[in-house]
Amino acid sequence: MSADSAVRDDNLQCQIDEIEALSSIYGDEWCAIDEAARVFCIKVSDDIDKPKWTLCLQVILPPDYPGASPPIYQLNAPWLRGAECMELSNSLEEIYAQNLGESILYMWVERIREFLVEKSRNTDSAENLEPDKRTAEISEDAEEDIADGFHLLRPIQTLFLSDELEDEEELLIKHGEPFTDRRSTFQAHLAPVVTTKQVKLVLNKLYENKKIANATHNIYAYRIYCEDKQTFLQDCEDDGETAAGGRMLHLLQILDVRNVMVIVSRWFGGILLGPDRFKHINNCARNILMDECYIDPVDDSAKSADKKKKQRGKRGK
């Protein structure tokens, strides 16, 4: 066995041991989003029984973690911005710098918990806060997601990834035509992506637009084809619209598109749309994929022509 292989095996074993320990310690708070891609998530609260402040830490473990690289991570919470976000990010980076080569996820989780506990103590009363400071806007059937809070969390910032400006310069985000039904407006956005780093940069760039950042939901899905492994790296986010992200990802899979990310913003107009909202979200996604030539409109026209022929045949009989 070569030295490089031995190092890789050591890192993998460290990751396995760390994940088993975290799963045992945190139980349902810890979840594996994609074990093959080494993507994990943990919900951290200031108080287990009566949480006032909750934050989701999502991590991707590179093959050379913990030996040579840090985890790639996101801090997800609708209220985490500005100075608070920078303070917490800096403290996590400091932990990594002080413990190079060691498994640090447990230390990160407990530091985040300390941060939330301190924030709770410094807050006079959670009831006096504006409603959108602690949770995202609730709509339709999203009440059931309040219990775990995960689907209500929006990506805010990615660290260890945003140092290279050339990636940001390469971002090419397209915007679809807005569609309105019963005062709810839907708009799709699309960007070519070939790395998860670009996925985060696209989200950060979109959220610089106040209108998009203030949308009731920003549902997204992406598929990236890894040629070396001949597999897909893919993920989705409901952002409070339960199951919408999974439906959109399923659409991308059916259409067999690759190296693309689609985001659909929804501004809720006060009238419940029921299942129609899923149809509008996927139609917006499909339309922008067609507009940007990720799917062939000829296929759709051919299907439509076949359908009309069948209908005429039925009438003839």
Protein backbone atom coordinates (compact mmCIF):
# COMPACT_ATOMS: atom_id res chain seq x y z
CA MET A 1 0.00 0.00 0.00
CA SER A 2 1.35 3.43 -0.96
CA ALA A 3 1.81 6.23 1.55
CA ASP A 4 -0.97 8.26 -0.10
CA SER A 5 -3.39 5.36 0.14
CA ALA A 6 -2.54 4.86 3.79
CA VAL A 7 -3.19 8.54 4.51
CA ARG A 8 -6.54 8.40 2.69
CA ASP A 9 -7.53 5.31 4.64
CA ASP A 10 -6.56 6.98 7.92
CA ASN A 11 -8.64 10.05 7.08
CA LEU A 12 -11.62 7.91 6.09
CA GLN A 13 -11.43 5.91 9.31
CA CYS A 14 -11.24 9.13 11.33
CA GLN A 15 -14.35 10.38 9.54
CA ILE A 16 -16.23 7.12 10.17
CA ASP A 17 -15.32 7.19 13.85
CA GLU A 18 -16.29 10.85 14.18
CA ILE A 19 -19.64 10.40 12.43
CA GLU A 20 -20.53 7.38 14.58
CA ALA A 21 -19.70 9.37 17.71
CA LEU A 22 -21.71 12.42 16.63
CA SER A 23 -24.69 10.27 15.65
CA SER A 24 -24.58 8.60 19.05
CA ILE A 25 -24.22 11.88 20.96
CA TYR A 26 -26.78 13.99 19.11
CA GLY A 27 -29.31 11.39 17.95
CA ASP A 28 -32.06 12.84 15.77
CA GLU A 29 -30.35 16.24 15.64
CA TRP A 30 -27.67 14.68 13.42
CA CYS A 31 -28.55 13.49 9.92
CA ALA A 32 -26.74 12.27 6.82
CA ILE A 33 -27.85 14.17 3.73
CA ASP A 34 -25.64 12.21 1.34
CA GLU A 35 -23.27 9.69 2.89
CA ALA A 36 -21.59 8.89 -0.41
CA ALA A 37 -20.73 12.56 -0.94
CA ARG A 38 -19.94 12.95 2.80
CA VAL A 39 -22.60 15.62 3.34
CA PHE A 40 -24.03 15.86 6.86
CA CYS A 41 -26.19 18.24 8.83
CA ILE A 42 -26.86 18.92 12.49
CA LYS A 43 -29.49 21.12 14.09
CA VAL A 44 -28.13 23.04 17.08
CA SER A 45 -30.37 24.83 19.62
CA ASP A 46 -29.76 26.92 22.71
CA ASP A 47 -32.12 24.67 24.71
CA ILE A 48 -33.22 21.13 23.81
CA ASP A 49 -36.60 21.32 25.59
CA LYS A 50 -37.59 24.93 24.83
CA PRO A 51 -35.39 26.23 21.99
CA LYS A 52 -35.49 29.96 21.28
CA TRP A 53 -32.64 30.06 18.79
CA THR A 54 -31.82 27.31 16.31
CA LEU A 55 -29.10 27.05 13.70
CA CYS A 56 -28.28 24.33 11.20
CA LEU A 57 -24.66 23.40 10.53
CA GLN A 58 -24.19 21.60 7.20
CA VAL A 59 -20.79 20.11 6.44
CA ILE A 60 -19.08 18.38 3.54
CA LEU A 61 -16.08 16.29 4.54
CA PRO A 62 -13.28 16.35 1.94
CA PRO A 63 -11.32 13.11 1.43
CA ASP A 64 -8.29 14.64 3.18
CA TYR A 65 -10.19 15.78 6.29
CA PRO A 66 -9.08 15.86 9.06
CA GLY A 67 -5.46 15.33 8.06
CA ALA A 68 -4.97 18.23 5.65
CA SER A 69 -8.25 20.05 4.94
CA PRO A 70 -11.05 21.58 7.01
CA PRO A 71 -14.70 20.63 6.58
CA ILE A 72 -16.59 22.69 4.01
CA TYR A 73 -19.53 24.18 5.86
CA GLN A 74 -22.60 26.35 5.84
CA LEU A 75 -24.21 28.18 8.76
CA ASN A 76 -27.93 28.16 8.01
CA ALA A 77 -30.45 30.36 9.82
CA PRO A 78 -32.74 33.15 8.56
CA TRP A 79 -31.67 35.48 11.37
CA LEU A 80 -27.89 34.96 11.11
CA ARG A 81 -26.41 38.01 9.40
CA GLY A 82 -23.74 40.68 9.59
CA ALA A 83 -21.63 40.93 12.70
CA GLU A 84 -23.15 37.86 14.37
CA CYS A 85 -22.40 35.67 11.39
CA MET A 86 -18.84 36.98 11.19
CA GLU A 87 -18.29 36.46 14.93
CA LEU A 88 -19.44 32.84 14.83
CA SER A 89 -17.54 32.11 11.61
CA ASN A 90 -14.34 33.52 13.05
CA SER A 91 -14.67 31.40 16.18
CA LEU A 92 -15.08 28.22 14.11
CA GLU A 93 -12.06 29.11 11.99
CA GLU A 94 -10.07 29.70 15.16
CA ILE A 95 -11.01 26.25 16.47
CA TYR A 96 -9.81 24.70 13.21
CA ALA A 97 -6.54 26.66 13.29
CA GLN A 98 -5.87 25.58 16.88
CA ASN A 99 -6.58 21.90 16.17
CA LEU A 100 -4.99 21.23 12.79
CA GLY A 101 -5.16 17.59 11.79
CA GLU A 102 -7.77 16.72 14.41
CA SER A 103 -11.47 15.91 14.19
CA ILE A 104 -13.24 19.15 15.09
CA LEU A 105 -16.96 18.74 14.35
CA TYR A 106 -17.88 18.12 18.00
CA MET A 107 -15.97 21.26 19.02
CA TRP A 108 -17.76 23.24 16.30
CA VAL A 109 -21.20 22.04 17.40
CA GLU A 110 -20.58 22.87 21.04
CA ARG A 111 -19.16 26.29 20.11
CA ILE A 112 -22.31 27.01 18.13
CA ARG A 113 -24.43 25.90 21.09
CA GLU A 114 -22.48 28.23 23.40
CA PHE A 115 -23.06 31.05 20.92
CA LEU A 116 -26.82 30.38 20.90
CA VAL A 117 -27.03 30.12 24.69
CA GLU A 118 -25.20 33.43 25.04
CA LYS A 119 -27.50 35.01 22.46
CA SER A 120 -30.54 33.75 24.35
CA ARG A 121 -29.24 35.22 27.61
CA ASN A 122 -28.64 38.58 25.96
CA THR A 123 -32.15 38.70 24.59
CA ASP A 124 -34.69 40.25 26.93
CA SER A 125 -37.59 38.23 25.58
CA ALA A 126 -38.03 36.19 22.41
CA GLU A 127 -41.65 37.32 22.28
CA ASN A 128 -40.58 40.94 21.78
CA LEU A 129 -38.69 40.13 18.61
CA GLU A 130 -40.11 40.68 15.15
CA PRO A 131 -41.58 37.36 13.93
CA ASP A 132 -39.13 36.97 11.04
CA LYS A 133 -36.04 37.35 13.21
CA ARG A 134 -36.09 33.76 14.49
CA THR A 135 -38.02 31.77 11.93
CA ALA A 136 -38.79 31.97 8.28
CA GLU A 137 -42.31 32.82 7.13
CA ILE A 138 -44.81 29.99 7.58
CA SER A 139 -47.18 29.10 4.78
CA GLU A 140 -49.50 26.38 3.56
CA ASP A 141 -48.61 23.01 5.12
CA ALA A 142 -45.19 24.07 6.48
CA GLU A 143 -46.42 24.01 10.09
CA GLU A 144 -45.25 20.42 10.46
CA ASP A 145 -41.71 21.55 9.64
CA ILE A 146 -41.65 23.88 12.64
CA ALA A 147 -41.10 20.83 14.80
CA ASP A 148 -37.62 20.21 13.46
CA GLY A 149 -36.90 23.62 11.97
CA PHE A 150 -34.61 22.28 9.26
CA HIS A 151 -36.71 23.15 6.21
CA LEU A 152 -37.16 26.70 7.45
CA LEU A 153 -33.47 27.46 7.36
CA ARG A 154 -31.93 29.38 4.47
CA PRO A 155 -28.27 29.22 3.44
CA ILE A 156 -26.55 32.45 4.46
CA GLN A 157 -22.82 32.08 4.03
CA THR A 158 -20.17 29.60 2.94
CA LEU A 159 -16.64 29.77 4.29
CA PHE A 160 -13.33 28.23 3.19
CA LEU A 161 -14.83 28.52 -0.30
CA SER A 162 -15.21 32.17 -1.19
CA ASP A 163 -11.60 33.27 -1.40
CA GLU A 164 -11.18 32.81 -5.15
CA LEU A 165 -12.77 35.76 -6.97
CA GLU A 166 -12.54 34.12 -10.37
CA ASP A 167 -15.35 31.71 -9.48
CA GLU A 168 -17.62 34.64 -8.62
CA GLU A 169 -16.72 36.34 -11.90
CA GLU A 170 -17.70 33.19 -13.81
CA LEU A 171 -21.22 33.11 -12.31
CA LEU A 172 -23.85 33.50 -15.00
CA ILE A 173 -27.32 33.72 -13.49
CA LYS A 174 -30.35 33.89 -15.77
CA HIS A 175 -33.80 35.02 -14.62
CA GLY A 176 -37.09 33.73 -15.99
CA GLU A 177 -40.32 35.64 -16.53
CA PRO A 178 -42.41 36.06 -13.35
CA PHE A 179 -45.72 34.18 -13.22
CA THR A 180 -48.63 35.17 -10.95
CA ASP A 181 -51.60 33.11 -9.80
CA ARG A 182 -54.01 34.35 -7.13
CA ARG A 183 -51.54 37.00 -5.98
CA SER A 184 -48.68 34.51 -5.50
CA THR A 185 -45.77 35.25 -7.83
CA PHE A 186 -43.24 32.69 -9.01
CA GLN A 187 -39.94 33.38 -10.77
CA ALA A 188 -37.22 30.97 -11.81
CA HIS A 189 -33.47 31.60 -11.82
CA LEU A 190 -30.84 29.37 -13.45
CA ALA A 191 -27.07 29.11 -13.30
CA PRO A 192 -24.58 26.62 -14.76
CA VAL A 193 -22.58 24.98 -11.95
CA VAL A 194 -19.84 22.37 -11.94
CA THR A 195 -18.88 22.45 -8.25
CA THR A 196 -20.74 22.72 -4.95
CA LYS A 197 -18.66 25.83 -4.36
CA GLN A 198 -20.41 27.51 -7.26
CA VAL A 199 -23.78 26.42 -5.89
CA LYS A 200 -23.12 28.37 -2.70
CA LEU A 201 -21.79 31.35 -4.61
CA VAL A 202 -24.94 31.43 -6.74
CA LEU A 203 -27.11 31.46 -3.63
CA ASN A 204 -25.05 34.20 -2.03
CA LYS A 205 -25.24 36.25 -5.22
CA LEU A 206 -29.01 35.83 -5.49
CA TYR A 207 -29.54 36.84 -1.86
CA GLU A 208 -27.78 40.12 -2.55
CA ASN A 209 -31.02 41.04 -4.32
CA LYS A 210 -33.34 42.17 -1.51
CA LYS A 211 -36.46 41.17 -3.39
CA ILE A 212 -35.22 37.61 -3.86
CA ALA A 213 -33.84 37.42 -0.32
CA ASN A 214 -37.26 38.47 1.02
CA ALA A 215 -39.20 35.91 -1.02
CA THR A 216 -41.40 33.63 1.06
CA HIS A 217 -39.55 30.63 -0.39
CA ASN A 218 -36.46 30.15 -2.53
CA ILE A 219 -36.68 26.52 -3.59
CA TYR A 220 -33.69 25.08 -5.42
CA ALA A 221 -32.20 21.92 -6.86
CA TYR A 222 -28.99 21.15 -8.70
CA ARG A 223 -27.27 18.27 -10.51
CA ILE A 224 -23.54 18.11 -11.14
CA TYR A 225 -22.02 15.30 -13.18
CA CYS A 226 -18.71 14.00 -11.84
CA GLU A 227 -16.95 12.56 -14.88
CA ASP A 228 -14.15 10.90 -12.94
CA LYS A 229 -16.61 8.87 -10.86
CA GLN A 230 -19.40 8.84 -13.46
CA THR A 231 -21.88 9.81 -10.77
CA PHE A 232 -24.06 12.79 -9.98
CA LEU A 233 -23.64 15.20 -7.09
CA GLN A 234 -27.13 16.53 -6.47
CA ASP A 235 -29.17 18.14 -3.72
CA CYS A 236 -32.24 20.29 -3.15
CA GLU A 237 -33.80 22.67 -0.62
CA ASP A 238 -37.49 23.22 0.20
CA ASP A 239 -36.95 26.50 2.08
CA GLY A 240 -40.22 26.01 3.92
CA GLU A 241 -42.29 24.78 0.96
CA THR A 242 -42.49 21.15 2.03
CA ALA A 243 -41.39 18.62 -0.61
CA ALA A 244 -41.04 21.28 -3.34
CA GLY A 245 -37.26 20.90 -3.56
CA GLY A 246 -37.49 17.13 -3.92
CA ARG A 247 -40.10 17.48 -6.67
CA MET A 248 -37.86 19.92 -8.53
CA LEU A 249 -34.85 17.62 -8.22
CA HIS A 250 -36.98 14.77 -9.54
CA LEU A 251 -37.85 16.95 -12.54
CA LEU A 252 -34.16 17.58 -13.23
CA GLN A 253 -33.53 13.84 -13.03
CA ILE A 254 -36.35 13.01 -15.43
CA LEU A 255 -35.10 15.63 -17.90
CA ASP A 256 -31.56 14.30 -17.41
CA VAL A 257 -30.03 17.76 -17.16
CA ARG A 258 -26.58 18.16 -15.68
CA ASN A 259 -24.24 20.85 -14.39
CA VAL A 260 -27.09 23.26 -13.71
CA MET A 261 -28.86 24.78 -10.74
CA VAL A 262 -32.45 26.03 -10.77
CA ILE A 263 -33.96 28.27 -8.11
CA VAL A 264 -37.64 29.21 -8.00
CA SER A 265 -38.63 32.17 -5.82
CA ARG A 266 -42.18 32.37 -4.54
CA TRP A 267 -43.77 35.45 -3.03
CA PHE A 268 -46.90 34.30 -1.17
CA GLY A 269 -49.93 36.50 -1.86
CA GLY A 270 -52.17 35.43 1.00
CA ILE A 271 -54.33 32.91 -0.90
CA LEU A 272 -53.56 29.21 -0.51
CA LEU A 273 -52.94 27.51 -3.84
CA GLY A 274 -52.94 23.90 -2.70
CA PRO A 275 -51.22 21.42 -5.06
CA ASP A 276 -51.17 24.06 -7.83
CA ARG A 277 -48.13 25.64 -6.20
CA PHE A 278 -46.03 22.56 -6.99
CA LYS A 279 -47.20 22.64 -10.60
CA HIS A 280 -46.24 26.32 -10.91
CA ILE A 281 -42.81 25.75 -9.32
CA ASN A 282 -41.94 22.89 -11.66
CA ASN A 283 -43.37 24.66 -14.71
CA CYS A 284 -41.19 27.69 -13.96
CA ALA A 285 -38.17 25.42 -13.60
CA ARG A 286 -38.97 23.57 -16.82
CA ASN A 287 -39.53 26.78 -18.78
CA ILE A 288 -36.22 28.35 -17.84
CA LEU A 289 -34.40 25.09 -18.63
CA MET A 290 -36.01 25.18 -22.05
CA ASP A 291 -35.25 28.87 -22.56
CA GLU A 292 -31.59 28.24 -21.76
CA CYS A 293 -31.44 25.18 -24.04
CA TYR A 294 -30.90 22.57 -21.32
CA ILE A 295 -33.82 20.63 -22.76
CA ASP A 296 -34.91 20.38 -26.38
CA PRO A 297 -38.22 22.14 -27.13
CA VAL A 298 -38.59 19.83 -30.14
CA ASP A 299 -39.21 16.97 -27.73
CA ASP A 300 -42.12 18.83 -26.16
CA SER A 301 -43.62 19.80 -29.50
CA ALA A 302 -43.31 16.22 -30.72
CA LYS A 303 -45.05 14.94 -27.61
CA SER A 304 -47.77 17.53 -28.08
CA ALA A 305 -48.23 16.50 -31.73
CA ASP A 306 -48.43 12.83 -30.74
CA LYS A 307 -51.04 13.66 -28.15
CA LYS A 308 -53.15 15.55 -30.71
CA LYS A 309 -52.90 12.64 -33.18
CA LYS A 310 -54.12 10.24 -30.52
CA GLN A 311 -57.02 12.53 -29.68
CA ARG A 312 -57.98 12.82 -33.36
CA GLY A 313 -57.75 9.04 -33.68
CA LYS A 314 -60.10 8.58 -30.77
CA ARG A 315 -62.61 11.03 -32.24
CA GLY A 316 -62.42 9.19 -35.61
CA LYS A 317 -63.30 5.93 -33.94
